[in-house]
Amino acid sequence: MDAASAAKDRVDRALALLERRLLDLKSRAAGGGAAADDDLFAPQPSSETDRIRIHELESAGRDAAEALSRAADAIRDSLAEQESR
């Protein structure tokens, strides 16, 4: 497997993980009922359930950003390696 293929695989895995996490959060949110105003970014969450949901979404966003950052770094490294050949 060449470096470009390995980097692509890392990106694919990161995106699949992100998609699974988002689907999991959506299914949990649907089971807990909708927020009163359905605004995840409201300054004052209306209940503890909303606070938990916001925290989970923020955490998933940070995890996804980190995974995509690592994948992007791997792609950059791979491209730099190929250019140096």
PDB file of N, CA and C in Angstrom:
ATOM      1  N   MET A   1       0.854  -1.168   0.000  1.00  0.00           N
ATOM      2  CA  MET A   1       0.000   0.000   0.000  1.00  0.00           C
ATOM      3  C   MET A   1       0.906   1.240   0.000  1.00  0.00           C
ATOM      4  N   ASP A   2       0.656   2.145  -0.932  1.00  0.00           N
ATOM      5  CA  ASP A   2       1.468   3.363  -0.965  1.00  0.00           C
ATOM      6  C   ASP A   2       0.965   4.365   0.067  1.00  0.00           C
ATOM      7  N   ALA A   3       1.740   5.413   0.273  1.00  0.00           N
ATOM      8  CA  ALA A   3       1.438   6.398   1.317  1.00  0.00           C
ATOM      9  C   ALA A   3       0.113   7.117   1.053  1.00  0.00           C
ATOM     10  N   ALA A   4      -0.179   7.412  -0.200  1.00  0.00           N
ATOM     11  CA  ALA A   4      -1.434   8.104  -0.514  1.00  0.00           C
ATOM     12  C   ALA A   4      -2.637   7.229  -0.167  1.00  0.00           C
ATOM     13  N   SER A   5      -2.538   5.946  -0.469  1.00  0.00           N
ATOM     14  CA  SER A   5      -3.634   5.031  -0.134  1.00  0.00           C
ATOM     15  C   SER A   5      -3.801   4.900   1.371  1.00  0.00           C
ATOM     16  N   ALA A   6      -2.689   4.850   2.088  1.00  0.00           N
ATOM     17  CA  ALA A   6      -2.750   4.757   3.549  1.00  0.00           C
ATOM     18  C   ALA A   6      -3.389   6.014   4.131  1.00  0.00           C
ATOM     19  N   ALA A   7      -3.034   7.170   3.607  1.00  0.00           N
ATOM     20  CA  ALA A   7      -3.624   8.420   4.093  1.00  0.00           C
ATOM     21  C   ALA A   7      -5.112   8.463   3.784  1.00  0.00           C
ATOM     22  N   LYS A   8      -5.497   8.023   2.594  1.00  0.00           N
ATOM     23  CA  LYS A   8      -6.917   7.988   2.228  1.00  0.00           C
ATOM     24  C   LYS A   8      -7.685   7.068   3.163  1.00  0.00           C
ATOM     25  N   ASP A   9      -7.103   5.931   3.501  1.00  0.00           N
ATOM     26  CA  ASP A   9      -7.747   5.001   4.431  1.00  0.00           C
ATOM     27  C   ASP A   9      -7.944   5.644   5.801  1.00  0.00           C
ATOM     28  N   ARG A  10      -6.953   6.418   6.257  1.00  0.00           N
ATOM     29  CA  ARG A  10      -7.086   7.104   7.549  1.00  0.00           C
ATOM     30  C   ARG A  10      -8.228   8.113   7.516  1.00  0.00           C
ATOM     31  N   VAL A  11      -8.326   8.845   6.418  1.00  0.00           N
ATOM     32  CA  VAL A  11      -9.408   9.822   6.283  1.00  0.00           C
ATOM     33  C   VAL A  11     -10.750   9.098   6.263  1.00  0.00           C
ATOM     34  N   ASP A  12     -10.848   8.024   5.506  1.00  0.00           N
ATOM     35  CA  ASP A  12     -12.092   7.258   5.439  1.00  0.00           C
ATOM     36  C   ASP A  12     -12.500   6.738   6.819  1.00  0.00           C
ATOM     37  N   ARG A  13     -11.528   6.231   7.573  1.00  0.00           N
ATOM     38  CA  ARG A  13     -11.834   5.731   8.917  1.00  0.00           C
ATOM     39  C   ARG A  13     -12.291   6.862   9.835  1.00  0.00           C
ATOM     40  N   ALA A  14     -11.632   8.015   9.746  1.00  0.00           N
ATOM     41  CA  ALA A  14     -12.017   9.164  10.581  1.00  0.00           C
ATOM     42  C   ALA A  14     -13.427   9.626  10.253  1.00  0.00           C
ATOM     43  N   LEU A  15     -13.748   9.677   8.973  1.00  0.00           N
ATOM     44  CA  LEU A  15     -15.096  10.100   8.580  1.00  0.00           C
ATOM     45  C   LEU A  15     -16.145   9.065   8.998  1.00  0.00           C
ATOM     46  N   ALA A  16     -15.827   7.794   8.887  1.00  0.00           N
ATOM     47  CA  ALA A  16     -16.763   6.750   9.317  1.00  0.00           C
ATOM     48  C   ALA A  16     -17.008   6.834  10.823  1.00  0.00           C
ATOM     49  N   LEU A  17     -15.946   7.087  11.592  1.00  0.00           N
ATOM     50  CA  LEU A  17     -16.093   7.244  13.034  1.00  0.00           C
ATOM     51  C   LEU A  17     -16.965   8.447  13.353  1.00  0.00           C
ATOM     52  N   LEU A  18     -16.726   9.550  12.670  1.00  0.00           N
ATOM     53  CA  LEU A  18     -17.536  10.748  12.868  1.00  0.00           C
ATOM     54  C   LEU A  18     -19.004  10.470  12.558  1.00  0.00           C
ATOM     55  N   GLU A  19     -19.266   9.795  11.459  1.00  0.00           N
ATOM     56  CA  GLU A  19     -20.638   9.487  11.073  1.00  0.00           C
ATOM     57  C   GLU A  19     -21.314   8.595  12.118  1.00  0.00           C
ATOM     58  N   ARG A  20     -20.605   7.590  12.614  1.00  0.00           N
ATOM     59  CA  ARG A  20     -21.182   6.707  13.643  1.00  0.00           C
ATOM     60  C   ARG A  20     -21.505   7.481  14.915  1.00  0.00           C
ATOM     61  N   ARG A  21     -20.572   8.358  15.334  1.00  0.00           N
ATOM     62  CA  ARG A  21     -20.804   9.149  16.549  1.00  0.00           C
ATOM     63  C   ARG A  21     -22.008  10.064  16.390  1.00  0.00           C
ATOM     64  N   LEU A  22     -22.123  10.712  15.231  1.00  0.00           N
ATOM     65  CA  LEU A  22     -23.254  11.605  15.007  1.00  0.00           C
ATOM     66  C   LEU A  22     -24.575  10.838  14.981  1.00  0.00           C
ATOM     67  N   LEU A  23     -24.587   9.690  14.327  1.00  0.00           N
ATOM     68  CA  LEU A  23     -25.809   8.883  14.303  1.00  0.00           C
ATOM     69  C   LEU A  23     -26.189   8.425  15.704  1.00  0.00           C
ATOM     70  N   ASP A  24     -25.194   8.050  16.503  1.00  0.00           N
ATOM     71  CA  ASP A  24     -25.452   7.649  17.886  1.00  0.00           C
ATOM     72  C   ASP A  24     -26.046   8.806  18.678  1.00  0.00           C
ATOM     73  N   LEU A  25     -25.454   9.992  18.540  1.00  0.00           N
ATOM     74  CA  LEU A  25     -25.972  11.156  19.257  1.00  0.00           C
ATOM     75  C   LEU A  25     -27.377  11.520  18.796  1.00  0.00           C
ATOM     76  N   LYS A  26     -27.635  11.423  17.491  1.00  0.00           N
ATOM     77  CA  LYS A  26     -28.972  11.718  16.987  1.00  0.00           C
ATOM     78  C   LYS A  26     -29.991  10.742  17.549  1.00  0.00           C
ATOM     79  N   SER A  27     -29.630   9.465  17.591  1.00  0.00           N
ATOM     80  CA  SER A  27     -30.589   8.475  18.095  1.00  0.00           C
ATOM     81  C   SER A  27     -30.854   8.679  19.575  1.00  0.00           C
ATOM     82  N   ARG A  28     -29.817   9.039  20.347  1.00  0.00           N
ATOM     83  CA  ARG A  28     -30.031   9.316  21.776  1.00  0.00           C
ATOM     84  C   ARG A  28     -30.868  10.565  21.971  1.00  0.00           C
ATOM     85  N   ALA A  29     -30.622  11.579  21.152  1.00  0.00           N
ATOM     86  CA  ALA A  29     -31.389  12.826  21.266  1.00  0.00           C
ATOM     87  C   ALA A  29     -32.852  12.586  20.902  1.00  0.00           C
ATOM     88  N   ALA A  30     -33.098  11.763  19.893  1.00  0.00           N
ATOM     89  CA  ALA A  30     -34.477  11.475  19.490  1.00  0.00           C
ATOM     90  C   ALA A  30     -35.216  10.711  20.582  1.00  0.00           C
ATOM     91  N   GLY A  31     -34.510   9.854  21.282  1.00  0.00           N
ATOM     92  CA  GLY A  31     -35.141   9.087  22.356  1.00  0.00           C
ATOM     93  C   GLY A  31     -35.441   9.921  23.584  1.00  0.00           C
ATOM     94  N   GLY A  32     -34.714  11.020  23.787  1.00  0.00           N
ATOM     95  CA  GLY A  32     -34.895  11.853  24.972  1.00  0.00           C
ATOM     96  C   GLY A  32     -35.879  12.978  24.780  1.00  0.00           C
ATOM     97  N   GLY A  33     -36.473  13.098  23.597  1.00  0.00           N
ATOM     98  CA  GLY A  33     -37.393  14.194  23.338  1.00  0.00           C
ATOM     99  C   GLY A  33     -36.649  15.401  22.805  1.00  0.00           C
ATOM    100  N   ALA A  34     -37.361  16.255  22.135  1.00  0.00           N
ATOM    101  CA  ALA A  34     -36.753  17.435  21.535  1.00  0.00           C
ATOM    102  C   ALA A  34     -36.624  18.557  22.560  1.00  0.00           C
ATOM    103  N   ALA A  35     -35.647  19.369  22.367  1.00  0.00           N
ATOM    104  CA  ALA A  35     -35.492  20.539  23.223  1.00  0.00           C
ATOM    105  C   ALA A  35     -36.640  21.502  22.943  1.00  0.00           C
ATOM    106  N   ALA A  36     -36.995  22.289  23.943  1.00  0.00           N
ATOM    107  CA  ALA A  36     -38.137  23.186  23.808  1.00  0.00           C
ATOM    108  C   ALA A  36     -38.003  24.105  22.603  1.00  0.00           C
ATOM    109  N   ASP A  37     -36.849  24.708  22.418  1.00  0.00           N
ATOM    110  CA  ASP A  37     -36.666  25.622  21.285  1.00  0.00           C
ATOM    111  C   ASP A  37     -35.874  24.982  20.150  1.00  0.00           C
ATOM    112  N   ASP A  38     -35.414  23.756  20.332  1.00  0.00           N
ATOM    113  CA  ASP A  38     -34.662  22.993  19.331  1.00  0.00           C
ATOM    114  C   ASP A  38     -33.423  23.743  18.839  1.00  0.00           C
ATOM    115  N   ASP A  39     -32.848  24.568  19.691  1.00  0.00           N
ATOM    116  CA  ASP A  39     -31.647  25.317  19.368  1.00  0.00           C
ATOM    117  C   ASP A  39     -30.515  24.798  20.234  1.00  0.00           C
ATOM    118  N   LEU A  40     -29.619  24.015  19.628  1.00  0.00           N
ATOM    119  CA  LEU A  40     -28.531  23.421  20.395  1.00  0.00           C
ATOM    120  C   LEU A  40     -27.532  24.454  20.904  1.00  0.00           C
ATOM    121  N   PHE A  41     -27.541  25.642  20.314  1.00  0.00           N
ATOM    122  CA  PHE A  41     -26.548  26.639  20.682  1.00  0.00           C
ATOM    123  C   PHE A  41     -27.164  27.807  21.457  1.00  0.00           C
ATOM    124  N   ALA A  42     -28.307  27.580  22.040  1.00  0.00           N
ATOM    125  CA  ALA A  42     -28.950  28.609  22.854  1.00  0.00           C
ATOM    126  C   ALA A  42     -28.071  28.911  24.065  1.00  0.00           C
ATOM    127  N   PRO A  43     -27.965  30.167  24.480  1.00  0.00           N
ATOM    128  CA  PRO A  43     -27.098  30.506  25.599  1.00  0.00           C
ATOM    129  C   PRO A  43     -27.528  29.866  26.913  1.00  0.00           C
ATOM    130  N   GLN A  44     -28.806  29.651  27.123  1.00  0.00           N
ATOM    131  CA  GLN A  44     -29.315  29.065  28.352  1.00  0.00           C
ATOM    132  C   GLN A  44     -30.088  27.785  28.037  1.00  0.00           C
ATOM    133  N   PRO A  45     -29.444  26.606  28.124  1.00  0.00           N
ATOM    134  CA  PRO A  45     -30.183  25.361  27.897  1.00  0.00           C
ATOM    135  C   PRO A  45     -31.357  25.273  28.861  1.00  0.00           C
ATOM    136  N   SER A  46     -32.455  24.737  28.375  1.00  0.00           N
ATOM    137  CA  SER A  46     -33.680  24.741  29.167  1.00  0.00           C
ATOM    138  C   SER A  46     -33.760  23.602  30.182  1.00  0.00           C
ATOM    139  N   SER A  47     -32.894  22.603  30.064  1.00  0.00           N
ATOM    140  CA  SER A  47     -32.945  21.490  31.018  1.00  0.00           C
ATOM    141  C   SER A  47     -31.574  20.813  31.113  1.00  0.00           C
ATOM    142  N   GLU A  48     -31.447  19.947  32.092  1.00  0.00           N
ATOM    143  CA  GLU A  48     -30.200  19.181  32.242  1.00  0.00           C
ATOM    144  C   GLU A  48     -29.991  18.261  31.044  1.00  0.00           C
ATOM    145  N   THR A  49     -31.070  17.735  30.481  1.00  0.00           N
ATOM    146  CA  THR A  49     -30.973  16.888  29.286  1.00  0.00           C
ATOM    147  C   THR A  49     -30.343  17.675  28.146  1.00  0.00           C
ATOM    148  N   ASP A  50     -30.749  18.926  28.000  1.00  0.00           N
ATOM    149  CA  ASP A  50     -30.164  19.769  26.951  1.00  0.00           C
ATOM    150  C   ASP A  50     -28.687  20.016  27.213  1.00  0.00           C
ATOM    151  N   ARG A  51     -28.333  20.257  28.461  1.00  0.00           N
ATOM    152  CA  ARG A  51     -26.928  20.495  28.792  1.00  0.00           C
ATOM    153  C   ARG A  51     -26.080  19.267  28.449  1.00  0.00           C
ATOM    154  N   ILE A  52     -26.594  18.105  28.771  1.00  0.00           N
ATOM    155  CA  ILE A  52     -25.878  16.859  28.478  1.00  0.00           C
ATOM    156  C   ILE A  52     -25.747  16.674  26.973  1.00  0.00           C
ATOM    157  N   ARG A  53     -26.824  16.911  26.246  1.00  0.00           N
ATOM    158  CA  ARG A  53     -26.811  16.750  24.792  1.00  0.00           C
ATOM    159  C   ARG A  53     -25.821  17.721  24.159  1.00  0.00           C
ATOM    160  N   ILE A  54     -25.807  18.965  24.605  1.00  0.00           N
ATOM    161  CA  ILE A  54     -24.868  19.956  24.072  1.00  0.00           C
ATOM    162  C   ILE A  54     -23.435  19.526  24.357  1.00  0.00           C
ATOM    163  N   HIS A  55     -23.198  19.067  25.573  1.00  0.00           N
ATOM    164  CA  HIS A  55     -21.846  18.608  25.926  1.00  0.00           C
ATOM    165  C   HIS A  55     -21.415  17.442  25.038  1.00  0.00           C
ATOM    166  N   GLU A  56     -22.310  16.483  24.810  1.00  0.00           N
ATOM    167  CA  GLU A  56     -21.973  15.334  23.964  1.00  0.00           C
ATOM    168  C   GLU A  56     -21.677  15.768  22.531  1.00  0.00           C
ATOM    169  N   LEU A  57     -22.469  16.686  22.005  1.00  0.00           N
ATOM    170  CA  LEU A  57     -22.241  17.164  20.641  1.00  0.00           C
ATOM    171  C   LEU A  57     -20.928  17.934  20.537  1.00  0.00           C
ATOM    172  N   GLU A  58     -20.646  18.750  21.538  1.00  0.00           N
ATOM    173  CA  GLU A  58     -19.377  19.473  21.531  1.00  0.00           C
ATOM    174  C   GLU A  58     -18.194  18.518  21.612  1.00  0.00           C
ATOM    175  N   SER A  59     -18.329  17.502  22.442  1.00  0.00           N
ATOM    176  CA  SER A  59     -17.270  16.496  22.576  1.00  0.00           C
ATOM    177  C   SER A  59     -17.070  15.741  21.264  1.00  0.00           C
ATOM    178  N   ALA A  60     -18.171  15.355  20.629  1.00  0.00           N
ATOM    179  CA  ALA A  60     -18.077  14.652  19.345  1.00  0.00           C
ATOM    180  C   ALA A  60     -17.425  15.549  18.294  1.00  0.00           C
ATOM    181  N   GLY A  61     -17.761  16.824  18.313  1.00  0.00           N
ATOM    182  CA  GLY A  61     -17.157  17.766  17.376  1.00  0.00           C
ATOM    183  C   GLY A  61     -15.658  17.891  17.584  1.00  0.00           C
ATOM    184  N   ARG A  62     -15.242  17.959  18.856  1.00  0.00           N
ATOM    185  CA  ARG A  62     -13.800  18.037  19.144  1.00  0.00           C
ATOM    186  C   ARG A  62     -13.101  16.760  18.696  1.00  0.00           C
ATOM    187  N   ASP A  63     -13.712  15.602  19.003  1.00  0.00           N
ATOM    188  CA  ASP A  63     -13.110  14.326  18.596  1.00  0.00           C
ATOM    189  C   ASP A  63     -12.978  14.244  17.077  1.00  0.00           C
ATOM    190  N   ALA A  64     -14.027  14.666  16.378  1.00  0.00           N
ATOM    191  CA  ALA A  64     -13.998  14.623  14.917  1.00  0.00           C
ATOM    192  C   ALA A  64     -12.933  15.558  14.371  1.00  0.00           C
ATOM    193  N   ALA A  65     -12.847  16.747  14.937  1.00  0.00           N
ATOM    194  CA  ALA A  65     -11.842  17.709  14.480  1.00  0.00           C
ATOM    195  C   ALA A  65     -10.439  17.160  14.678  1.00  0.00           C
ATOM    196  N   GLU A  66     -10.199  16.518  15.817  1.00  0.00           N
ATOM    197  CA  GLU A  66      -8.880  15.939  16.072  1.00  0.00           C
ATOM    198  C   GLU A  66      -8.573  14.809  15.090  1.00  0.00           C
ATOM    199  N   ALA A  67      -9.564  13.947  14.841  1.00  0.00           N
ATOM    200  CA  ALA A  67      -9.354  12.835  13.912  1.00  0.00           C
ATOM    201  C   ALA A  67      -9.096  13.349  12.503  1.00  0.00           C
ATOM    202  N   LEU A  68      -9.860  14.344  12.086  1.00  0.00           N
ATOM    203  CA  LEU A  68      -9.655  14.894  10.750  1.00  0.00           C
ATOM    204  C   LEU A  68      -8.331  15.643  10.652  1.00  0.00           C
ATOM    205  N   SER A  69      -7.914  16.267  11.733  1.00  0.00           N
ATOM    206  CA  SER A  69      -6.618  16.946  11.748  1.00  0.00           C
ATOM    207  C   SER A  69      -5.485  15.942  11.589  1.00  0.00           C
ATOM    208  N   ARG A  70      -5.584  14.814  12.306  1.00  0.00           N
ATOM    209  CA  ARG A  70      -4.558  13.779  12.169  1.00  0.00           C
ATOM    210  C   ARG A  70      -4.542  13.219  10.752  1.00  0.00           C
ATOM    211  N   ALA A  71      -5.735  13.024  10.170  1.00  0.00           N
ATOM    212  CA  ALA A  71      -5.805  12.503   8.802  1.00  0.00           C
ATOM    213  C   ALA A  71      -5.221  13.513   7.817  1.00  0.00           C
ATOM    214  N   ALA A  72      -5.519  14.785   8.011  1.00  0.00           N
ATOM    215  CA  ALA A  72      -4.973  15.819   7.127  1.00  0.00           C
ATOM    216  C   ALA A  72      -3.458  15.874   7.243  1.00  0.00           C
ATOM    217  N   ASP A  73      -2.937  15.754   8.463  1.00  0.00           N
ATOM    218  CA  ASP A  73      -1.483  15.731   8.641  1.00  0.00           C
ATOM    219  C   ASP A  73      -0.867  14.539   7.912  1.00  0.00           C
ATOM    220  N   ALA A  74      -1.529  13.394   7.997  1.00  0.00           N
ATOM    221  CA  ALA A  74      -1.023  12.202   7.318  1.00  0.00           C
ATOM    222  C   ALA A  74      -1.024  12.398   5.810  1.00  0.00           C
ATOM    223  N   ILE A  75      -2.054  13.045   5.289  1.00  0.00           N
ATOM    224  CA  ILE A  75      -2.115  13.310   3.848  1.00  0.00           C
ATOM    225  C   ILE A  75      -0.997  14.272   3.446  1.00  0.00           C
ATOM    226  N   ARG A  76      -0.813  15.328   4.237  1.00  0.00           N
ATOM    227  CA  ARG A  76       0.256  16.281   3.930  1.00  0.00           C
ATOM    228  C   ARG A  76       1.624  15.588   3.934  1.00  0.00           C
ATOM    229  N   ASP A  77       1.846  14.751   4.953  1.00  0.00           N
ATOM    230  CA  ASP A  77       3.118  14.022   5.035  1.00  0.00           C
ATOM    231  C   ASP A  77       3.293  13.118   3.823  1.00  0.00           C
ATOM    232  N   SER A  78       2.228  12.441   3.446  1.00  0.00           N
ATOM    233  CA  SER A  78       2.279  11.537   2.308  1.00  0.00           C
ATOM    234  C   SER A  78       2.584  12.289   1.021  1.00  0.00           C
ATOM    235  N   LEU A  79       1.916  13.423   0.830  1.00  0.00           N
ATOM    236  CA  LEU A  79       2.154  14.207  -0.377  1.00  0.00           C
ATOM    237  C   LEU A  79       3.584  14.763  -0.393  1.00  0.00           C
ATOM    238  N   ALA A  80       4.066  15.219   0.743  1.00  0.00           N
ATOM    239  CA  ALA A  80       5.436  15.732   0.818  1.00  0.00           C
ATOM    240  C   ALA A  80       6.434  14.632   0.501  1.00  0.00           C
ATOM    241  N   GLU A  81       6.159  13.424   1.001  1.00  0.00           N
ATOM    242  CA  GLU A  81       7.043  12.289   0.751  1.00  0.00           C
ATOM    243  C   GLU A  81       7.060  11.940  -0.728  1.00  0.00           C
ATOM    244  N   GLN A  82       5.891  11.968  -1.349  1.00  0.00           N
ATOM    245  CA  GLN A  82       5.819  11.661  -2.785  1.00  0.00           C
ATOM    246  C   GLN A  82       6.516  12.714  -3.625  1.00  0.00           C
ATOM    247  N   GLU A  83       6.405  13.987  -3.212  1.00  0.00           N
ATOM    248  CA  GLU A  83       7.057  15.063  -3.953  1.00  0.00           C
ATOM    249  C   GLU A  83       8.575  14.988  -3.856  1.00  0.00           C
ATOM    250  N   SER A  84       9.067  14.474  -2.734  1.00  0.00           N
ATOM    251  CA  SER A  84      10.518  14.409  -2.544  1.00  0.00           C
ATOM    252  C   SER A  84      11.150  13.263  -3.313  1.00  0.00           C
ATOM    253  N   ARG A  85      10.360  12.382  -3.849  1.00  0.00           N
ATOM    254  CA  ARG A  85      10.901  11.240  -4.609  1.00  0.00           C
ATOM    255  C   ARG A  85      11.283  11.624  -6.001  1.00  0.00           C
TER     256      ARG A  85
END
